[in-house]
Protein backbone atom coordinates (compact mmCIF):
# COMPACT_ATOMS: atom_id res chain seq x y z
CA UNK A 1 21.88 -4.03 14.69
CA UNK A 2 20.55 -3.55 11.16
CA UNK A 3 18.52 -0.33 10.78
CA UNK A 4 18.74 0.41 14.52
CA UNK A 5 20.27 3.85 14.22
CA UNK A 6 18.22 4.66 11.13
CA UNK A 7 15.02 3.70 12.96
CA UNK A 8 15.87 5.72 16.05
CA UNK A 9 15.92 8.83 13.91
CA UNK A 10 12.22 8.54 13.22
CA UNK A 11 10.65 7.31 16.44
CA UNK A 12 7.99 9.83 17.29
CA UNK A 13 6.75 10.39 13.73
CA UNK A 14 3.07 11.29 14.01
CA UNK A 15 0.60 8.44 13.57
CA UNK A 16 -2.24 8.41 11.04
CA UNK A 17 -5.01 9.23 13.51
CA UNK A 18 -5.44 12.96 14.06
CA UNK A 19 -6.91 14.56 17.16
CA UNK A 20 -9.43 17.11 16.01
CA UNK A 21 -10.58 20.27 17.77
CA UNK A 22 -13.71 18.45 18.96
CA UNK A 23 -11.54 15.87 20.79
CA UNK A 24 -12.34 13.10 18.30
CA UNK A 25 -9.84 10.92 16.45
CA UNK A 26 -10.38 10.42 12.73
CA UNK A 27 -8.46 8.32 10.21
CA UNK A 28 -10.32 9.10 7.01
CA UNK A 29 -13.34 10.58 5.29
CA UNK A 30 -16.64 9.09 4.16
CA UNK A 31 -17.59 9.91 0.58
CA UNK A 32 -20.68 9.07 -1.45
CA UNK A 33 -20.32 8.40 -5.17
CA UNK A 34 -23.35 7.96 -7.41
CA UNK A 35 -22.85 5.01 -9.75
CA UNK A 36 -24.68 5.11 -13.05
CA UNK A 37 -23.49 1.56 -13.74
CA UNK A 38 -25.00 0.17 -10.54
CA UNK A 39 -27.82 2.75 -10.43
CA UNK A 40 -27.23 3.58 -6.77
CA UNK A 41 -25.15 5.65 -4.37
CA UNK A 42 -22.01 3.95 -3.05
CA UNK A 43 -20.15 4.90 0.10
CA UNK A 44 -16.38 4.68 0.35
CA UNK A 45 -14.03 5.35 3.24
CA UNK A 46 -10.84 7.09 2.17
CA UNK A 47 -7.60 7.51 4.11
CA UNK A 48 -4.69 9.55 2.76
CA UNK A 49 -1.25 9.65 4.44
CA UNK A 50 0.30 12.73 6.01
CA UNK A 51 -2.99 14.36 6.93
CA UNK A 52 -3.89 15.29 3.35
CA UNK A 53 -7.45 16.50 2.84
CA UNK A 54 -9.46 16.50 -0.37
CA UNK A 55 -8.83 19.60 -2.46
CA UNK A 56 -5.52 20.53 -0.82
CA UNK A 57 -2.44 21.16 -3.01
CA UNK A 58 -0.78 17.89 -4.02
CA UNK A 59 2.80 17.69 -2.75
CA UNK A 60 3.29 13.90 -2.81
CA UNK A 61 1.54 11.12 -4.71
CA UNK A 62 0.68 7.74 -3.21
CA UNK A 63 -0.19 4.24 -4.50
CA UNK A 64 -3.83 3.30 -3.87
CA UNK A 65 -5.05 0.23 -2.03
CA UNK A 66 -8.67 -0.63 -2.90
CA UNK A 67 -10.27 -2.68 -0.15
CA UNK A 68 -13.42 -4.80 -0.50
CA UNK A 69 -15.75 -5.15 2.51
CA UNK A 70 -14.25 -1.81 3.47
CA UNK A 71 -16.15 -1.28 6.71
CA UNK A 72 -14.78 -4.59 8.07
CA UNK A 73 -11.08 -4.20 7.24
CA UNK A 74 -10.49 -0.44 6.90
CA UNK A 75 -9.07 0.39 10.33
CA UNK A 76 -6.71 -2.58 10.43
CA UNK A 77 -5.38 -1.95 6.92
CA UNK A 78 -4.85 1.77 7.54
CA UNK A 79 -2.99 1.06 10.76
CA UNK A 80 -0.93 -1.66 9.13
CA UNK A 81 0.15 0.45 6.14
CA UNK A 82 1.09 3.30 8.48
CA UNK A 83 3.08 0.98 10.72
CA UNK A 84 4.95 -0.63 7.82
CA UNK A 85 5.58 2.56 5.86
CA UNK A 86 6.26 5.20 8.48
CA UNK A 87 6.49 4.24 12.14
CA UNK A 88 9.90 3.65 13.75
CA UNK A 89 11.65 4.36 10.48
CA UNK A 90 9.93 1.50 8.63
CA UNK A 91 10.06 1.48 4.83
CA UNK A 92 8.66 -2.04 4.40
CA UNK A 93 5.88 -0.81 2.10
CA UNK A 94 5.06 2.58 0.59
CA UNK A 95 2.68 5.04 2.17
CA UNK A 96 -0.66 4.33 0.53
CA UNK A 97 -4.09 5.82 0.08
CA UNK A 98 -6.67 3.30 1.31
CA UNK A 99 -10.12 3.22 -0.31
CA UNK A 100 -12.57 1.02 1.58
CA UNK A 101 -15.58 0.08 -0.55
CA UNK A 102 -18.72 -0.51 1.51
CA UNK A 103 -21.38 -3.03 0.49
CA UNK A 104 -24.99 -2.56 -0.55
CA UNK A 105 -25.76 -6.03 -1.92
CA UNK A 106 -22.71 -8.16 -1.19
CA UNK A 107 -23.94 -11.40 -2.80
CA UNK A 108 -24.77 -9.49 -5.98
CA UNK A 109 -21.57 -7.47 -6.30
CA UNK A 110 -18.95 -9.98 -5.19
CA UNK A 111 -20.01 -13.12 -7.10
CA UNK A 112 -19.07 -13.77 -10.75
CA UNK A 113 -22.03 -15.88 -11.92
CA UNK A 114 -25.68 -16.27 -11.02
CA UNK A 115 -26.64 -19.47 -9.23
CA UNK A 116 -29.99 -20.78 -8.04
CA UNK A 117 -28.41 -22.28 -4.91
CA UNK A 118 -25.28 -24.14 -3.82
CA UNK A 119 -26.07 -25.97 -0.63
CA UNK A 120 -24.87 -25.95 2.07
CA UNK A 121 -23.01 -22.74 1.17
CA UNK A 122 -25.82 -20.71 -0.44
CA UNK A 123 -29.57 -21.10 -0.21
CA UNK A 124 -31.89 -20.11 -3.03
CA UNK A 125 -32.91 -17.01 -1.03
CA UNK A 126 -29.30 -15.88 -0.52
CA UNK A 127 -28.51 -16.51 -4.20
CA UNK A 128 -31.36 -14.45 -5.65
CA UNK A 129 -29.27 -11.46 -6.72
CA UNK A 130 -25.96 -13.27 -7.29
CA UNK A 131 -23.80 -12.81 -10.37
CA UNK A 132 -23.31 -9.03 -10.57
CA UNK A 133 -19.53 -9.05 -10.24
CA UNK A 134 -18.83 -7.77 -13.75
CA UNK A 135 -20.98 -4.68 -13.17
CA UNK A 136 -19.27 -4.11 -9.84
CA UNK A 137 -15.81 -4.35 -11.42
CA UNK A 138 -16.98 -1.93 -14.12
CA UNK A 139 -18.05 0.50 -11.36
CA UNK A 140 -14.57 0.28 -9.82
CA UNK A 141 -12.81 0.71 -13.17
CA UNK A 142 -14.97 3.38 -14.80
CA UNK A 143 -16.34 5.37 -11.88
CA UNK A 144 -14.52 4.80 -8.59
CA UNK A 145 -10.90 4.80 -9.77
CA UNK A 146 -11.36 7.92 -11.97
CA UNK A 147 -13.05 9.70 -9.03
CA UNK A 148 -10.21 8.87 -6.64
CA UNK A 149 -7.53 9.80 -9.19
CA UNK A 150 -9.23 13.14 -9.90
CA UNK A 151 -9.69 14.16 -6.29
CA UNK A 152 -6.69 12.69 -4.46
CA UNK A 153 -2.89 12.65 -4.90
CA UNK A 154 -2.58 9.22 -6.51
CA UNK A 155 0.40 7.45 -8.04
CA UNK A 156 -0.04 4.94 -10.91
CA UNK A 157 0.31 1.83 -8.68
CA UNK A 158 -2.94 0.13 -7.53
CA UNK A 159 -3.67 -2.86 -5.28
CA UNK A 160 -6.89 -4.82 -4.67
CA UNK A 161 -7.57 -6.76 -1.45
CA UNK A 162 -10.58 -8.99 -0.75
CA UNK A 163 -11.65 -11.69 1.72
CA UNK A 164 -14.12 -14.57 1.18
CA UNK A 165 -16.54 -13.33 -1.53
CA UNK A 166 -14.16 -10.36 -1.79
CA UNK A 167 -11.33 -12.84 -2.48
CA UNK A 168 -13.48 -14.37 -5.20
CA UNK A 169 -13.78 -10.91 -6.76
CA UNK A 170 -10.01 -10.48 -6.54
CA UNK A 171 -9.45 -13.72 -8.48
CA UNK A 172 -12.06 -12.75 -11.10
CA UNK A 173 -10.46 -9.32 -11.54
CA UNK A 174 -6.96 -10.77 -11.81
CA UNK A 175 -8.01 -13.45 -14.31
CA UNK A 176 -10.29 -11.37 -16.51
CA UNK A 177 -9.29 -7.72 -15.90
CA UNK A 178 -5.61 -8.34 -15.29
CA UNK A 179 -4.21 -4.86 -15.89
CA UNK A 180 -6.71 -3.03 -13.71
CA UNK A 181 -4.43 -3.46 -10.69
CA UNK A 182 -0.72 -4.07 -10.22
CA UNK A 183 -1.10 -6.43 -7.28
CA UNK A 184 -3.85 -8.58 -5.82
CA UNK A 185 -4.51 -10.12 -2.40
CA UNK A 186 -7.12 -12.90 -2.16
CA UNK A 187 -7.79 -14.02 1.41
CA UNK A 188 -9.58 -17.36 1.86
CA UNK A 189 -11.54 -16.78 -1.37
CA UNK A 190 -14.83 -18.60 -1.97
CA UNK A 191 -13.51 -20.69 -4.86
CA UNK A 192 -16.25 -23.26 -4.21
CA UNK A 193 -18.61 -20.86 -5.97
CA UNK A 194 -20.99 -22.36 -8.54
CA UNK A 195 -19.86 -25.92 -7.74
CA UNK A 196 -16.27 -24.96 -8.66
CA UNK A 197 -17.16 -24.05 -12.24
CA UNK A 198 -15.60 -20.62 -11.80
CA UNK A 199 -12.50 -22.26 -10.30
CA UNK A 200 -12.03 -24.42 -13.39
CA UNK A 201 -12.50 -21.43 -15.70
CA UNK A 202 -9.96 -19.43 -13.71
CA UNK A 203 -7.39 -22.24 -13.81
CA UNK A 204 -7.75 -22.37 -17.59
CA UNK A 205 -7.23 -18.60 -17.83
CA UNK A 206 -4.19 -18.67 -15.55
CA UNK A 207 -2.63 -21.37 -17.72
CA UNK A 208 -3.14 -19.44 -20.97
CA UNK A 209 -2.49 -15.76 -20.12
CA UNK A 210 0.65 -13.87 -19.16
CA UNK A 211 0.78 -11.90 -15.90
CA UNK A 212 4.17 -10.21 -16.12
CA UNK A 213 4.72 -7.47 -13.50
CA UNK A 214 1.60 -8.60 -11.62
CA UNK A 215 1.57 -10.00 -8.08
CA UNK A 216 -0.88 -12.24 -6.21
CA UNK A 217 -0.79 -13.27 -2.57
CA UNK A 218 -3.25 -15.99 -1.57
CA UNK A 219 -4.03 -16.54 2.11
CA UNK A 220 -5.66 -19.82 3.20
CA UNK A 221 -7.38 -20.32 6.56
CA UNK A 222 -7.77 -23.59 8.46
CA UNK A 223 -11.45 -24.42 7.95
CA UNK A 224 -11.06 -28.17 8.41
CA UNK A 225 -12.56 -30.41 11.07
CA UNK A 226 -10.30 -31.68 13.86
CA UNK A 227 -8.08 -34.54 12.73
CA UNK A 228 -7.93 -33.39 9.09
CA UNK A 229 -4.79 -31.92 7.49
CA UNK A 230 -3.89 -30.33 4.15
CA UNK A 231 -2.70 -33.63 2.68
CA UNK A 232 -5.68 -35.73 3.69
CA UNK A 233 -8.18 -33.04 2.79
CA UNK A 234 -7.21 -33.15 -0.90
CA UNK A 235 -8.63 -36.68 -1.09
CA UNK A 236 -11.77 -35.83 0.84
CA UNK A 237 -15.04 -35.51 -1.08
CA UNK A 238 -17.43 -34.20 1.58
CA UNK A 239 -19.17 -30.83 1.43
CA UNK A 240 -17.52 -29.88 4.72
CA UNK A 241 -14.09 -29.52 3.11
CA UNK A 242 -15.14 -28.07 -0.26
CA UNK A 243 -14.12 -24.53 0.70
CA UNK A 244 -10.50 -25.28 1.57
CA UNK A 245 -10.12 -27.95 -1.13
CA UNK A 246 -11.07 -25.47 -3.82
CA UNK A 247 -8.52 -22.90 -2.58
CA UNK A 248 -5.74 -25.47 -2.27
CA UNK A 249 -6.56 -26.62 -5.79
CA UNK A 250 -6.14 -23.06 -7.06
CA UNK A 251 -2.91 -22.57 -5.08
CA UNK A 252 -1.34 -25.78 -6.36
CA UNK A 253 -2.34 -24.98 -9.92
CA UNK A 254 -0.88 -21.46 -9.76
CA UNK A 255 2.35 -22.77 -8.26
CA UNK A 256 2.78 -25.09 -11.25
CA UNK A 257 2.04 -22.43 -13.88
CA UNK A 258 5.42 -20.71 -13.82
CA UNK A 259 5.09 -19.91 -17.53
CA UNK A 260 2.40 -17.29 -16.87
CA UNK A 261 5.01 -15.07 -15.12
CA UNK A 262 2.69 -14.24 -12.23
CA UNK A 263 4.59 -13.19 -9.10
CA UNK A 264 2.73 -15.55 -6.79
CA UNK A 265 2.87 -16.79 -3.23
CA UNK A 266 0.40 -18.51 -0.96
CA UNK A 267 0.42 -19.26 2.74
CA UNK A 268 -1.65 -21.65 4.84
CA UNK A 269 -2.52 -20.44 8.34
CA UNK A 270 -2.99 -23.49 10.50
CA UNK A 271 -4.00 -21.49 13.58
CA UNK A 272 -6.43 -19.10 11.90
CA UNK A 273 -10.09 -19.50 10.98
CA UNK A 274 -11.95 -17.96 8.06
CA UNK A 275 -12.83 -15.02 10.32
CA UNK A 276 -9.44 -14.41 11.91
CA UNK A 277 -7.17 -14.89 8.89
CA UNK A 278 -7.54 -11.47 7.15
CA UNK A 279 -5.31 -9.50 9.54
CA UNK A 280 -2.28 -11.78 9.43
CA UNK A 281 -2.70 -12.49 5.71
CA UNK A 282 -2.85 -8.78 4.89
CA UNK A 283 0.38 -8.25 6.83
CA UNK A 284 2.16 -11.09 5.04
CA UNK A 285 0.78 -9.94 1.70
CA UNK A 286 2.20 -6.45 2.06
CA UNK A 287 5.60 -7.86 2.99
CA UNK A 288 5.56 -10.27 0.03
CA UNK A 289 4.34 -7.84 -2.61
CA UNK A 290 6.75 -5.10 -1.53
CA UNK A 291 9.70 -7.36 -0.76
CA UNK A 292 11.88 -4.98 -2.81
CA UNK A 293 10.79 -1.78 -1.06
CA UNK A 294 12.57 -1.82 2.28
CA UNK A 295 15.78 0.21 2.51
CA UNK A 296 18.18 -1.82 4.65
CA UNK A 297 20.82 0.45 6.12
CA UNK A 298 23.30 -0.75 8.72
CA UNK A 299 25.14 1.33 11.28
CA UNK A 300 28.26 0.79 9.14
CA UNK A 301 26.41 2.31 6.16
CA UNK A 302 25.40 5.33 8.19
CA UNK A 303 28.88 5.91 9.60
CA UNK A 304 30.87 5.61 6.36
CA UNK A 305 32.59 8.79 5.26
CA UNK A 306 32.69 8.46 1.49
CA UNK A 307 29.89 8.42 -1.05
CA UNK A 308 28.93 4.75 -0.71
CA UNK A 309 25.86 5.60 1.39
CA UNK A 310 24.36 8.12 -1.06
CA UNK A 311 25.07 5.70 -3.91
CA UNK A 312 23.38 2.82 -2.09
CA UNK A 313 20.27 4.91 -1.35
CA UNK A 314 19.93 6.22 -4.89
CA UNK A 315 20.41 2.77 -6.44
CA UNK A 316 17.81 1.35 -4.09
CA UNK A 317 15.19 3.88 -5.16
CA UNK A 318 16.06 3.39 -8.81
CA UNK A 319 15.20 -0.29 -8.31
CA UNK A 320 12.03 0.60 -6.39
CA UNK A 321 10.98 2.93 -9.21
CA UNK A 322 11.49 0.18 -11.76
CA UNK A 323 9.40 -2.28 -9.74
CA UNK A 324 6.60 0.20 -9.02
CA UNK A 325 6.46 1.45 -12.60
CA UNK A 326 7.03 5.14 -11.93
CA UNK A 327 9.76 7.39 -10.50
CA UNK A 328 10.03 7.31 -6.71
CA UNK A 329 12.68 9.60 -5.25
CA UNK A 330 14.28 8.90 -1.87
CA UNK A 331 11.86 10.27 0.77
CA UNK A 332 12.56 13.75 2.06
CA UNK A 333 12.66 13.11 5.83
CA UNK A 334 15.22 10.25 5.88
CA UNK A 335 17.48 12.05 3.40
CA UNK A 336 17.28 15.19 5.52
CA UNK A 337 18.25 13.21 8.60
CA UNK A 338 21.16 11.62 6.75
CA UNK A 339 22.30 15.11 5.79
CA UNK A 340 22.28 16.31 9.39
CA UNK A 341 24.05 13.16 10.58
CA UNK A 342 26.80 13.81 8.02
CA UNK A 343 26.93 17.47 9.01
CA UNK A 344 27.29 16.51 12.68
CA UNK A 345 30.24 14.27 11.80
CA UNK A 346 31.83 17.07 9.73
CA UNK A 347 31.38 14.93 6.62
CA UNK A 348 30.68 18.00 4.54
CA UNK A 349 30.73 16.43 1.07
CA UNK A 350 28.15 13.86 2.07
CA UNK A 351 26.00 16.43 3.86
CA UNK A 352 26.00 18.73 0.83
CA UNK A 353 25.06 15.82 -1.43
CA UNK A 354 22.06 14.82 0.71
CA UNK A 355 20.73 18.35 1.18
CA UNK A 356 21.05 19.17 -2.53
CA UNK A 357 19.41 15.85 -3.43
CA UNK A 358 16.36 16.89 -1.39
CA UNK A 359 16.26 20.30 -3.07
CA UNK A 360 16.31 18.56 -6.44
CA UNK A 361 13.56 16.10 -5.52
CA UNK A 362 11.34 18.34 -3.36
CA UNK A 363 11.63 21.90 -4.73
CA UNK A 364 8.26 22.90 -3.21
CA UNK A 365 9.34 22.08 0.34
CA UNK A 366 10.45 24.95 2.59
CA UNK A 367 12.30 22.50 4.81
CA UNK A 368 14.82 21.42 2.14
CA UNK A 369 15.98 25.01 1.61
CA UNK A 370 16.16 25.64 5.35
CA UNK A 371 18.34 22.54 5.74
CA UNK A 372 20.60 23.50 2.83
CA UNK A 373 20.89 26.91 4.45
CA UNK A 374 22.10 25.21 7.63
CA UNK A 375 24.77 23.44 5.60
CA UNK A 376 26.01 26.69 4.06
CA UNK A 377 25.98 28.34 7.48
CA UNK A 378 28.16 25.50 8.81
CA UNK A 379 30.74 26.02 6.03
CA UNK A 380 30.66 29.81 6.52
CA UNK A 381 29.08 30.51 3.14
CA UNK A 382 26.78 33.27 4.41
CA UNK A 383 25.62 34.39 0.97
CA UNK A 384 24.21 30.99 0.02
CA UNK A 385 22.90 30.41 3.55
CA UNK A 386 20.90 33.67 3.41
CA UNK A 387 19.68 32.86 -0.10
CA UNK A 388 18.34 29.47 0.98
CA UNK A 389 16.73 30.79 4.16
CA UNK A 390 14.95 33.42 2.07
CA UNK A 391 13.80 30.73 -0.35
CA UNK A 392 12.43 28.68 2.56
CA UNK A 393 10.53 31.72 3.87
CA UNK A 394 9.09 32.44 0.42
CA UNK A 395 7.41 29.02 0.67
CA UNK A 396 6.61 29.07 4.38
CA UNK A 397 6.40 32.64 5.66
CA UNK A 398 5.39 31.51 9.16
CA UNK A 399 8.57 29.64 10.09
CA UNK A 400 9.84 31.43 13.20
CA UNK A 401 12.96 29.23 13.29
CA UNK A 402 14.01 30.12 9.74
CA UNK A 403 13.29 33.82 10.38
CA UNK A 404 15.52 33.78 13.44
CA UNK A 405 18.40 32.10 11.58
CA UNK A 406 18.10 34.60 8.73
CA UNK A 407 18.05 37.61 11.06
CA UNK A 408 21.12 36.36 12.93
CA UNK A 409 23.09 35.96 9.71
CA UNK A 410 22.03 39.33 8.32
CA UNK A 411 22.99 41.11 11.54
CA UNK A 412 26.38 39.46 11.44
CA UNK A 413 27.14 40.62 7.92
């Protein structure tokens, strides 16, 4: 029964995709950024929650999820973050801006060192431009992130997700540019790179550095031949198993290095291949990294008549703020609904608390004043009801509902 009533309040919340006037559905915008570091134009796909468009007034700030191989994973990640943060009352992860970074030269940008070849994984032709990862990371740090933070309503929290070569980039960024992101997701990373030399360097770094307040989720696909398992494969020496052996080696090493304070988890997906594993790993990663985020409210919580419910909600978001590294108030819509639920049960003290909490946290929202006006109307405080309806209309002059409520009160005076 946990969260049932709370969830029912929010079924029907609009989804991320918006129907446009030309009968098309869009979930983001395509932007082109010229990189002086890479000496080329780079395309990114950007999704922002709540229908925000570039240049609009900023009313709410969001963490940013930077996604490598953006054209491959963008739609699934956007849908997943919406589902886990908004739909059916979910608060499993925060609403997030998603920035999908498209490739121009993938082997160049997503590999940490130059190699001549690494058969059977990489031929000499495929390896020609390899080793440009540091420049690519510099582009993200010095050009892309500042651009996104200047033009979109960003919060300080940042996440990086990558698969395969993208996962290799995630590990390189975590090991050598640790503070660039708060959390990292490496999905079936190509740790075999450069005959595992980069793997050994990374293990050394992970043993020596501290990673306090930093999270890593590592997803591992089943890339073994039939009849092989994760125990037997560790003793195998064939080229066929080098990919999974190198990832398992990293996972086991990270699990042992508790002293580095990295918040780390890995998961092996027996039924998923290198190609199918990203979707399920991304889902598990979001749940692991934001394991503190979900607000668990029971029907008993919602029906209590004292101040235990408001206290529980405020304490929860104090903890969330501490974990995320910046102040996150309880979201407006759920608090508003809690206020109306209390008002419907004649729990006036609780209703007043919730409505005033929203006014405090969202002073630019017309809705919070309209709702507080409804509270004052219920307790027959016409003066404060009128004052709050007027305040709501000063922010949103087009609200026919608020106008009607104000006119009715003024006529009755």
